[in-house]
Structures are given as structure tokens and as C-alpha cells.
Amino acid sequence: MVGTTADYAIPRLWQLLETKKESLLGDSQNSDKNWLKLPEWSPIQILDEEALAAKREREQQLYGQTVPAIQEKQK
């Protein structure tokens, strides 16, 4: 019984894993170009240089607002 189940399930699981690997890693012929593709709905975003600079500026502004407030509370 277990052997029959394994004989049936292993090829199907292998095919499923291959499909998932191709969808995540992309085409094996262009492996160095886009080695990891994130789905459109993914919360992880790869930022370009302009967006990254804007993010750093927002973080510095927040840091500039919070540090003086924390220092005043400590006095």
C-alpha cells in the first residue's frame, strides 16, 4: 500500500516542485539575469535607485524627529 502511494505521489510531487522552481527562479537559460522573480502581490519590493534614495530620506527625517524628542524626555 505504501509503495503504491509513493509510486503514484513522487512523480506528481516532482512535477509540482519543478513548476514552482521555474515560476520562482525563472528560465534556467537566463539564470544570471533574473534569478529570483517575486510575485506581483509580494510585499517585498525591489526598489530602484530613486525610490531607495526617497526611502532613505524619509528614514532620516523620522530619525531626526524622534531622536530630539527622546533626548528631551531623558532630561
PDB file of N, CA and C in Angstrom:
ATOM      1  N   MET A   1       0.825  -1.194   0.000  1.00  0.00           N
ATOM      2  CA  MET A   1       0.000   0.000   0.000  1.00  0.00           C
ATOM      3  C   MET A   1       0.873   1.263   0.000  1.00  0.00           C
ATOM      4  N   VAL A   2       1.864   1.305   0.886  1.00  0.00           N
ATOM      5  CA  VAL A   2       2.734   2.480   0.970  1.00  0.00           C
ATOM      6  C   VAL A   2       3.550   2.622  -0.306  1.00  0.00           C
ATOM      7  N   GLY A   3       4.030   1.531  -0.842  1.00  0.00           N
ATOM      8  CA  GLY A   3       4.821   1.564  -2.065  1.00  0.00           C
ATOM      9  C   GLY A   3       4.019   2.094  -3.239  1.00  0.00           C
ATOM     10  N   THR A   4       2.765   1.674  -3.344  1.00  0.00           N
ATOM     11  CA  THR A   4       1.912   2.142  -4.431  1.00  0.00           C
ATOM     12  C   THR A   4       1.645   3.642  -4.295  1.00  0.00           C
ATOM     13  N   THR A   5       1.415   4.085  -3.085  1.00  0.00           N
ATOM     14  CA  THR A   5       1.182   5.505  -2.843  1.00  0.00           C
ATOM     15  C   THR A   5       2.426   6.318  -3.200  1.00  0.00           C
ATOM     16  N   ALA A   6       3.581   5.825  -2.797  1.00  0.00           N
ATOM     17  CA  ALA A   6       4.825   6.521  -3.113  1.00  0.00           C
ATOM     18  C   ALA A   6       5.063   6.538  -4.620  1.00  0.00           C
ATOM     19  N   ASP A   7       4.801   5.409  -5.295  1.00  0.00           N
ATOM     20  CA  ASP A   7       4.986   5.352  -6.745  1.00  0.00           C
ATOM     21  C   ASP A   7       4.061   6.340  -7.460  1.00  0.00           C
ATOM     22  N   TYR A   8       2.909   6.574  -6.914  1.00  0.00           N
ATOM     23  CA  TYR A   8       1.955   7.495  -7.511  1.00  0.00           C
ATOM     24  C   TYR A   8       2.298   8.950  -7.170  1.00  0.00           C
ATOM     25  N   ALA A   9       2.675   9.213  -5.912  1.00  0.00           N
ATOM     26  CA  ALA A   9       2.832  10.583  -5.433  1.00  0.00           C
ATOM     27  C   ALA A   9       4.163  11.219  -5.827  1.00  0.00           C
ATOM     28  N   ILE A  10       5.236  10.458  -5.833  1.00  0.00           N
ATOM     29  CA  ILE A  10       6.558  11.041  -6.073  1.00  0.00           C
ATOM     30  C   ILE A  10       6.658  11.724  -7.438  1.00  0.00           C
ATOM     31  N   PRO A  11       6.239  11.104  -8.537  1.00  0.00           N
ATOM     32  CA  PRO A  11       6.327  11.826  -9.819  1.00  0.00           C
ATOM     33  C   PRO A  11       5.466  13.095  -9.857  1.00  0.00           C
ATOM     34  N   ARG A  12       4.306  13.047  -9.226  1.00  0.00           N
ATOM     35  CA  ARG A  12       3.440  14.226  -9.199  1.00  0.00           C
ATOM     36  C   ARG A  12       4.063  15.344  -8.359  1.00  0.00           C
ATOM     37  N   LEU A  13       4.640  14.987  -7.223  1.00  0.00           N
ATOM     38  CA  LEU A  13       5.299  15.996  -6.400  1.00  0.00           C
ATOM     39  C   LEU A  13       6.523  16.566  -7.110  1.00  0.00           C
ATOM     40  N   TRP A  14       7.262  15.733  -7.794  1.00  0.00           N
ATOM     41  CA  TRP A  14       8.441  16.188  -8.530  1.00  0.00           C
ATOM     42  C   TRP A  14       8.040  17.206  -9.600  1.00  0.00           C
ATOM     43  N   GLN A  15       6.964  16.899 -10.317  1.00  0.00           N
ATOM     44  CA  GLN A  15       6.478  17.813 -11.352  1.00  0.00           C
ATOM     45  C   GLN A  15       6.017  19.130 -10.722  1.00  0.00           C
ATOM     46  N   LEU A  16       5.345  19.063  -9.599  1.00  0.00           N
ATOM     47  CA  LEU A  16       4.896  20.270  -8.909  1.00  0.00           C
ATOM     48  C   LEU A  16       6.083  21.117  -8.457  1.00  0.00           C
ATOM     49  N   LEU A  17       7.106  20.479  -7.915  1.00  0.00           N
ATOM     50  CA  LEU A  17       8.298  21.210  -7.479  1.00  0.00           C
ATOM     51  C   LEU A  17       9.019  21.852  -8.661  1.00  0.00           C
ATOM     52  N   GLU A  18       9.092  21.168  -9.765  1.00  0.00           N
ATOM     53  CA  GLU A  18       9.731  21.734 -10.956  1.00  0.00           C
ATOM     54  C   GLU A  18       8.981  22.974 -11.438  1.00  0.00           C
ATOM     55  N   THR A  19       7.652  22.911 -11.411  1.00  0.00           N
ATOM     56  CA  THR A  19       6.852  24.050 -11.853  1.00  0.00           C
ATOM     57  C   THR A  19       7.060  25.245 -10.918  1.00  0.00           C
ATOM     58  N   LYS A  20       7.063  24.982  -9.625  1.00  0.00           N
ATOM     59  CA  LYS A  20       7.269  26.061  -8.649  1.00  0.00           C
ATOM     60  C   LYS A  20       8.668  26.645  -8.794  1.00  0.00           C
ATOM     61  N   LYS A  21       9.649  25.804  -9.024  1.00  0.00           N
ATOM     62  CA  LYS A  21      11.017  26.277  -9.185  1.00  0.00           C
ATOM     63  C   LYS A  21      11.123  27.181 -10.407  1.00  0.00           C
ATOM     64  N   GLU A  22      10.496  26.789 -11.499  1.00  0.00           N
ATOM     65  CA  GLU A  22      10.532  27.612 -12.712  1.00  0.00           C
ATOM     66  C   GLU A  22       9.810  28.937 -12.495  1.00  0.00           C
ATOM     67  N   SER A  23       8.711  28.913 -11.756  1.00  0.00           N
ATOM     68  CA  SER A  23       7.969  30.165 -11.550  1.00  0.00           C
ATOM     69  C   SER A  23       8.720  31.110 -10.618  1.00  0.00           C
ATOM     70  N   LEU A  24       9.459  30.577  -9.656  1.00  0.00           N
ATOM     71  CA  LEU A  24      10.207  31.428  -8.743  1.00  0.00           C
ATOM     72  C   LEU A  24      11.565  31.833  -9.297  1.00  0.00           C
ATOM     73  N   LEU A  25      12.263  30.902  -9.882  1.00  0.00           N
ATOM     74  CA  LEU A  25      13.621  31.170 -10.326  1.00  0.00           C
ATOM     75  C   LEU A  25      13.708  31.608 -11.771  1.00  0.00           C
ATOM     76  N   GLY A  26      12.649  31.449 -12.520  1.00  0.00           N
ATOM     77  CA  GLY A  26      12.658  31.866 -13.917  1.00  0.00           C
ATOM     78  C   GLY A  26      13.251  30.790 -14.811  1.00  0.00           C
ATOM     79  N   ASP A  27      13.506  31.173 -16.020  1.00  0.00           N
ATOM     80  CA  ASP A  27      14.037  30.269 -17.026  1.00  0.00           C
ATOM     81  C   ASP A  27      15.480  29.919 -16.689  1.00  0.00           C
ATOM     82  N   SER A  28      15.835  28.647 -16.807  1.00  0.00           N
ATOM     83  CA  SER A  28      17.193  28.226 -16.472  1.00  0.00           C
ATOM     84  C   SER A  28      18.216  28.743 -17.474  1.00  0.00           C
ATOM     85  N   GLN A  29      17.790  29.129 -18.673  1.00  0.00           N
ATOM     86  CA  GLN A  29      18.716  29.646 -19.668  1.00  0.00           C
ATOM     87  C   GLN A  29      19.165  31.063 -19.334  1.00  0.00           C
ATOM     88  N   ASN A  30      18.324  31.821 -18.667  1.00  0.00           N
ATOM     89  CA  ASN A  30      18.657  33.193 -18.272  1.00  0.00           C
ATOM     90  C   ASN A  30      18.838  33.268 -16.760  1.00  0.00           C
ATOM     91  N   SER A  31      19.594  32.351 -16.208  1.00  0.00           N
ATOM     92  CA  SER A  31      19.691  32.248 -14.753  1.00  0.00           C
ATOM     93  C   SER A  31      20.396  33.434 -14.107  1.00  0.00           C
ATOM     94  N   ASP A  32      21.337  34.067 -14.810  1.00  0.00           N
ATOM     95  CA  ASP A  32      22.047  35.181 -14.196  1.00  0.00           C
ATOM     96  C   ASP A  32      21.280  36.495 -14.291  1.00  0.00           C
ATOM     97  N   LYS A  33      20.322  36.585 -15.172  1.00  0.00           N
ATOM     98  CA  LYS A  33      19.592  37.836 -15.394  1.00  0.00           C
ATOM     99  C   LYS A  33      18.568  38.082 -14.283  1.00  0.00           C
ATOM    100  N   ASN A  34      17.595  37.237 -14.148  1.00  0.00           N
ATOM    101  CA  ASN A  34      16.563  37.349 -13.111  1.00  0.00           C
ATOM    102  C   ASN A  34      16.517  36.035 -12.345  1.00  0.00           C
ATOM    103  N   TRP A  35      17.376  35.881 -11.395  1.00  0.00           N
ATOM    104  CA  TRP A  35      17.464  34.593 -10.732  1.00  0.00           C
ATOM    105  C   TRP A  35      16.343  34.363  -9.726  1.00  0.00           C
ATOM    106  N   LEU A  36      15.683  35.417  -9.290  1.00  0.00           N
ATOM    107  CA  LEU A  36      14.552  35.247  -8.381  1.00  0.00           C
ATOM    108  C   LEU A  36      13.454  36.210  -8.782  1.00  0.00           C
ATOM    109  N   LYS A  37      12.320  35.673  -9.150  1.00  0.00           N
ATOM    110  CA  LYS A  37      11.172  36.502  -9.514  1.00  0.00           C
ATOM    111  C   LYS A  37      10.196  36.511  -8.346  1.00  0.00           C
ATOM    112  N   LEU A  38       9.851  37.686  -7.890  1.00  0.00           N
ATOM    113  CA  LEU A  38       8.851  37.808  -6.837  1.00  0.00           C
ATOM    114  C   LEU A  38       7.488  38.007  -7.482  1.00  0.00           C
ATOM    115  N   PRO A  39       6.458  37.397  -6.920  1.00  0.00           N
ATOM    116  CA  PRO A  39       5.128  37.599  -7.478  1.00  0.00           C
ATOM    117  C   PRO A  39       4.690  39.051  -7.325  1.00  0.00           C
ATOM    118  N   GLU A  40       3.739  39.461  -8.139  1.00  0.00           N
ATOM    119  CA  GLU A  40       3.254  40.846  -8.123  1.00  0.00           C
ATOM    120  C   GLU A  40       2.676  41.229  -6.763  1.00  0.00           C
ATOM    121  N   TRP A  41       2.054  40.282  -6.071  1.00  0.00           N
ATOM    122  CA  TRP A  41       1.395  40.576  -4.813  1.00  0.00           C
ATOM    123  C   TRP A  41       2.350  40.555  -3.628  1.00  0.00           C
ATOM    124  N   SER A  42       3.605  40.264  -3.847  1.00  0.00           N
ATOM    125  CA  SER A  42       4.574  40.135  -2.768  1.00  0.00           C
ATOM    126  C   SER A  42       4.787  41.475  -2.060  1.00  0.00           C
ATOM    127  N   PRO A  43       4.831  41.473  -0.722  1.00  0.00           N
ATOM    128  CA  PRO A  43       5.095  42.714  -0.007  1.00  0.00           C
ATOM    129  C   PRO A  43       6.555  43.161  -0.139  1.00  0.00           C
ATOM    130  N   ILE A  44       7.428  42.267  -0.561  1.00  0.00           N
ATOM    131  CA  ILE A  44       8.828  42.607  -0.767  1.00  0.00           C
ATOM    132  C   ILE A  44       8.961  43.257  -2.126  1.00  0.00           C
ATOM    133  N   GLN A  45       9.541  44.436  -2.147  1.00  0.00           N
ATOM    134  CA  GLN A  45       9.699  45.152  -3.402  1.00  0.00           C
ATOM    135  C   GLN A  45      11.175  45.458  -3.619  1.00  0.00           C
ATOM    136  N   ILE A  46      11.610  45.308  -4.844  1.00  0.00           N
ATOM    137  CA  ILE A  46      12.965  45.668  -5.200  1.00  0.00           C
ATOM    138  C   ILE A  46      12.915  47.109  -5.693  1.00  0.00           C
ATOM    139  N   LEU A  47      13.567  47.994  -4.966  1.00  0.00           N
ATOM    140  CA  LEU A  47      13.478  49.417  -5.261  1.00  0.00           C
ATOM    141  C   LEU A  47      14.576  49.834  -6.231  1.00  0.00           C
ATOM    142  N   ASP A  48      14.238  50.758  -7.105  1.00  0.00           N
ATOM    143  CA  ASP A  48      15.264  51.322  -7.968  1.00  0.00           C
ATOM    144  C   ASP A  48      16.016  52.395  -7.178  1.00  0.00           C
ATOM    145  N   GLU A  49      17.025  52.977  -7.766  1.00  0.00           N
ATOM    146  CA  GLU A  49      17.876  53.938  -7.066  1.00  0.00           C
ATOM    147  C   GLU A  49      17.089  55.150  -6.565  1.00  0.00           C
ATOM    148  N   GLU A  50      16.157  55.640  -7.373  1.00  0.00           N
ATOM    149  CA  GLU A  50      15.374  56.814  -6.998  1.00  0.00           C
ATOM    150  C   GLU A  50      14.468  56.517  -5.805  1.00  0.00           C
ATOM    151  N   ALA A  51      13.796  55.384  -5.836  1.00  0.00           N
ATOM    152  CA  ALA A  51      12.915  55.008  -4.735  1.00  0.00           C
ATOM    153  C   ALA A  51      13.721  54.720  -3.474  1.00  0.00           C
ATOM    154  N   LEU A  52      14.894  54.129  -3.635  1.00  0.00           N
ATOM    155  CA  LEU A  52      15.748  53.848  -2.494  1.00  0.00           C
ATOM    156  C   LEU A  52      16.238  55.141  -1.831  1.00  0.00           C
ATOM    157  N   ALA A  53      16.590  56.141  -2.635  1.00  0.00           N
ATOM    158  CA  ALA A  53      17.017  57.428  -2.096  1.00  0.00           C
ATOM    159  C   ALA A  53      15.871  58.111  -1.352  1.00  0.00           C
ATOM    160  N   ALA A  54      14.655  58.031  -1.886  1.00  0.00           N
ATOM    161  CA  ALA A  54      13.492  58.617  -1.225  1.00  0.00           C
ATOM    162  C   ALA A  54      13.221  57.914   0.105  1.00  0.00           C
ATOM    163  N   LYS A  55      13.374  56.602   0.125  1.00  0.00           N
ATOM    164  CA  LYS A  55      13.158  55.842   1.354  1.00  0.00           C
ATOM    165  C   LYS A  55      14.186  56.239   2.415  1.00  0.00           C
ATOM    166  N   ARG A  56      15.440  56.367   2.017  1.00  0.00           N
ATOM    167  CA  ARG A  56      16.490  56.765   2.966  1.00  0.00           C
ATOM    168  C   ARG A  56      16.218  58.163   3.528  1.00  0.00           C
ATOM    169  N   GLU A  57      15.741  59.066   2.677  1.00  0.00           N
ATOM    170  CA  GLU A  57      15.439  60.420   3.144  1.00  0.00           C
ATOM    171  C   GLU A  57      14.290  60.404   4.149  1.00  0.00           C
ATOM    172  N   ARG A  58      13.250  59.616   3.879  1.00  0.00           N
ATOM    173  CA  ARG A  58      12.137  59.503   4.834  1.00  0.00           C
ATOM    174  C   ARG A  58      12.629  58.950   6.166  1.00  0.00           C
ATOM    175  N   GLU A  59      13.506  57.938   6.105  1.00  0.00           N
ATOM    176  CA  GLU A  59      14.020  57.353   7.340  1.00  0.00           C
ATOM    177  C   GLU A  59      14.860  58.363   8.119  1.00  0.00           C
ATOM    178  N   GLN A  60      15.660  59.165   7.419  1.00  0.00           N
ATOM    179  CA  GLN A  60      16.465  60.174   8.094  1.00  0.00           C
ATOM    180  C   GLN A  60      15.581  61.256   8.717  1.00  0.00           C
ATOM    181  N   GLN A  61      14.494  61.619   8.026  1.00  0.00           N
ATOM    182  CA  GLN A  61      13.564  62.593   8.588  1.00  0.00           C
ATOM    183  C   GLN A  61      12.930  62.049   9.859  1.00  0.00           C
ATOM    184  N   LEU A  62      12.487  60.807   9.822  1.00  0.00           N
ATOM    185  CA  LEU A  62      11.897  60.191  11.008  1.00  0.00           C
ATOM    186  C   LEU A  62      12.906  60.129  12.145  1.00  0.00           C
ATOM    187  N   TYR A  63      14.128  59.751  11.821  1.00  0.00           N
ATOM    188  CA  TYR A  63      15.169  59.682  12.829  1.00  0.00           C
ATOM    189  C   TYR A  63      15.421  61.060  13.432  1.00  0.00           C
ATOM    190  N   GLY A  64      15.439  62.086  12.578  1.00  0.00           N
ATOM    191  CA  GLY A  64      15.642  63.455  13.041  1.00  0.00           C
ATOM    192  C   GLY A  64      14.523  63.940  13.943  1.00  0.00           C
ATOM    193  N   GLN A  65      13.315  63.435  13.739  1.00  0.00           N
ATOM    194  CA  GLN A  65      12.180  63.835  14.571  1.00  0.00           C
ATOM    195  C   GLN A  65      12.171  63.079  15.895  1.00  0.00           C
ATOM    196  N   THR A  66      12.562  61.820  15.872  1.00  0.00           N
ATOM    197  CA  THR A  66      12.437  61.005  17.081  1.00  0.00           C
ATOM    198  C   THR A  66      13.599  61.187  18.053  1.00  0.00           C
ATOM    199  N   VAL A  67      14.804  61.369  17.552  1.00  0.00           N
ATOM    200  CA  VAL A  67      15.969  61.474  18.441  1.00  0.00           C
ATOM    201  C   VAL A  67      15.877  62.693  19.357  1.00  0.00           C
ATOM    202  N   PRO A  68      15.572  63.904  18.845  1.00  0.00           N
ATOM    203  CA  PRO A  68      15.447  65.048  19.776  1.00  0.00           C
ATOM    204  C   PRO A  68      14.335  64.854  20.805  1.00  0.00           C
ATOM    205  N   ALA A  69      13.246  64.236  20.394  1.00  0.00           N
ATOM    206  CA  ALA A  69      12.140  64.006  21.336  1.00  0.00           C
ATOM    207  C   ALA A  69      12.566  63.047  22.435  1.00  0.00           C
ATOM    208  N   ILE A  70      13.331  62.044  22.106  1.00  0.00           N
ATOM    209  CA  ILE A  70      13.798  61.088  23.099  1.00  0.00           C
ATOM    210  C   ILE A  70      14.801  61.754  24.040  1.00  0.00           C
ATOM    211  N   GLN A  71      15.668  62.588  23.473  1.00  0.00           N
ATOM    212  CA  GLN A  71      16.660  63.278  24.299  1.00  0.00           C
ATOM    213  C   GLN A  71      15.998  64.259  25.255  1.00  0.00           C
ATOM    214  N   GLU A  72      14.929  64.918  24.846  1.00  0.00           N
ATOM    215  CA  GLU A  72      14.226  65.833  25.743  1.00  0.00           C
ATOM    216  C   GLU A  72      13.532  65.095  26.881  1.00  0.00           C
ATOM    217  N   LYS A  73      13.008  63.923  26.584  1.00  0.00           N
ATOM    218  CA  LYS A  73      12.359  63.135  27.635  1.00  0.00           C
ATOM    219  C   LYS A  73      13.360  62.671  28.677  1.00  0.00           C
ATOM    220  N   GLN A  74      14.593  62.459  28.266  1.00  0.00           N
ATOM    221  CA  GLN A  74      15.610  61.986  29.192  1.00  0.00           C
ATOM    222  C   GLN A  74      16.114  63.096  30.107  1.00  0.00           C
ATOM    223  N   LYS A  75      15.935  64.365  29.732  1.00  0.00           N
ATOM    224  CA  LYS A  75      16.428  65.487  30.558  1.00  0.00           C
ATOM    225  C   LYS A  75      15.577  65.746  31.740  1.00  0.00           C
TER     226      LYS A  75
END
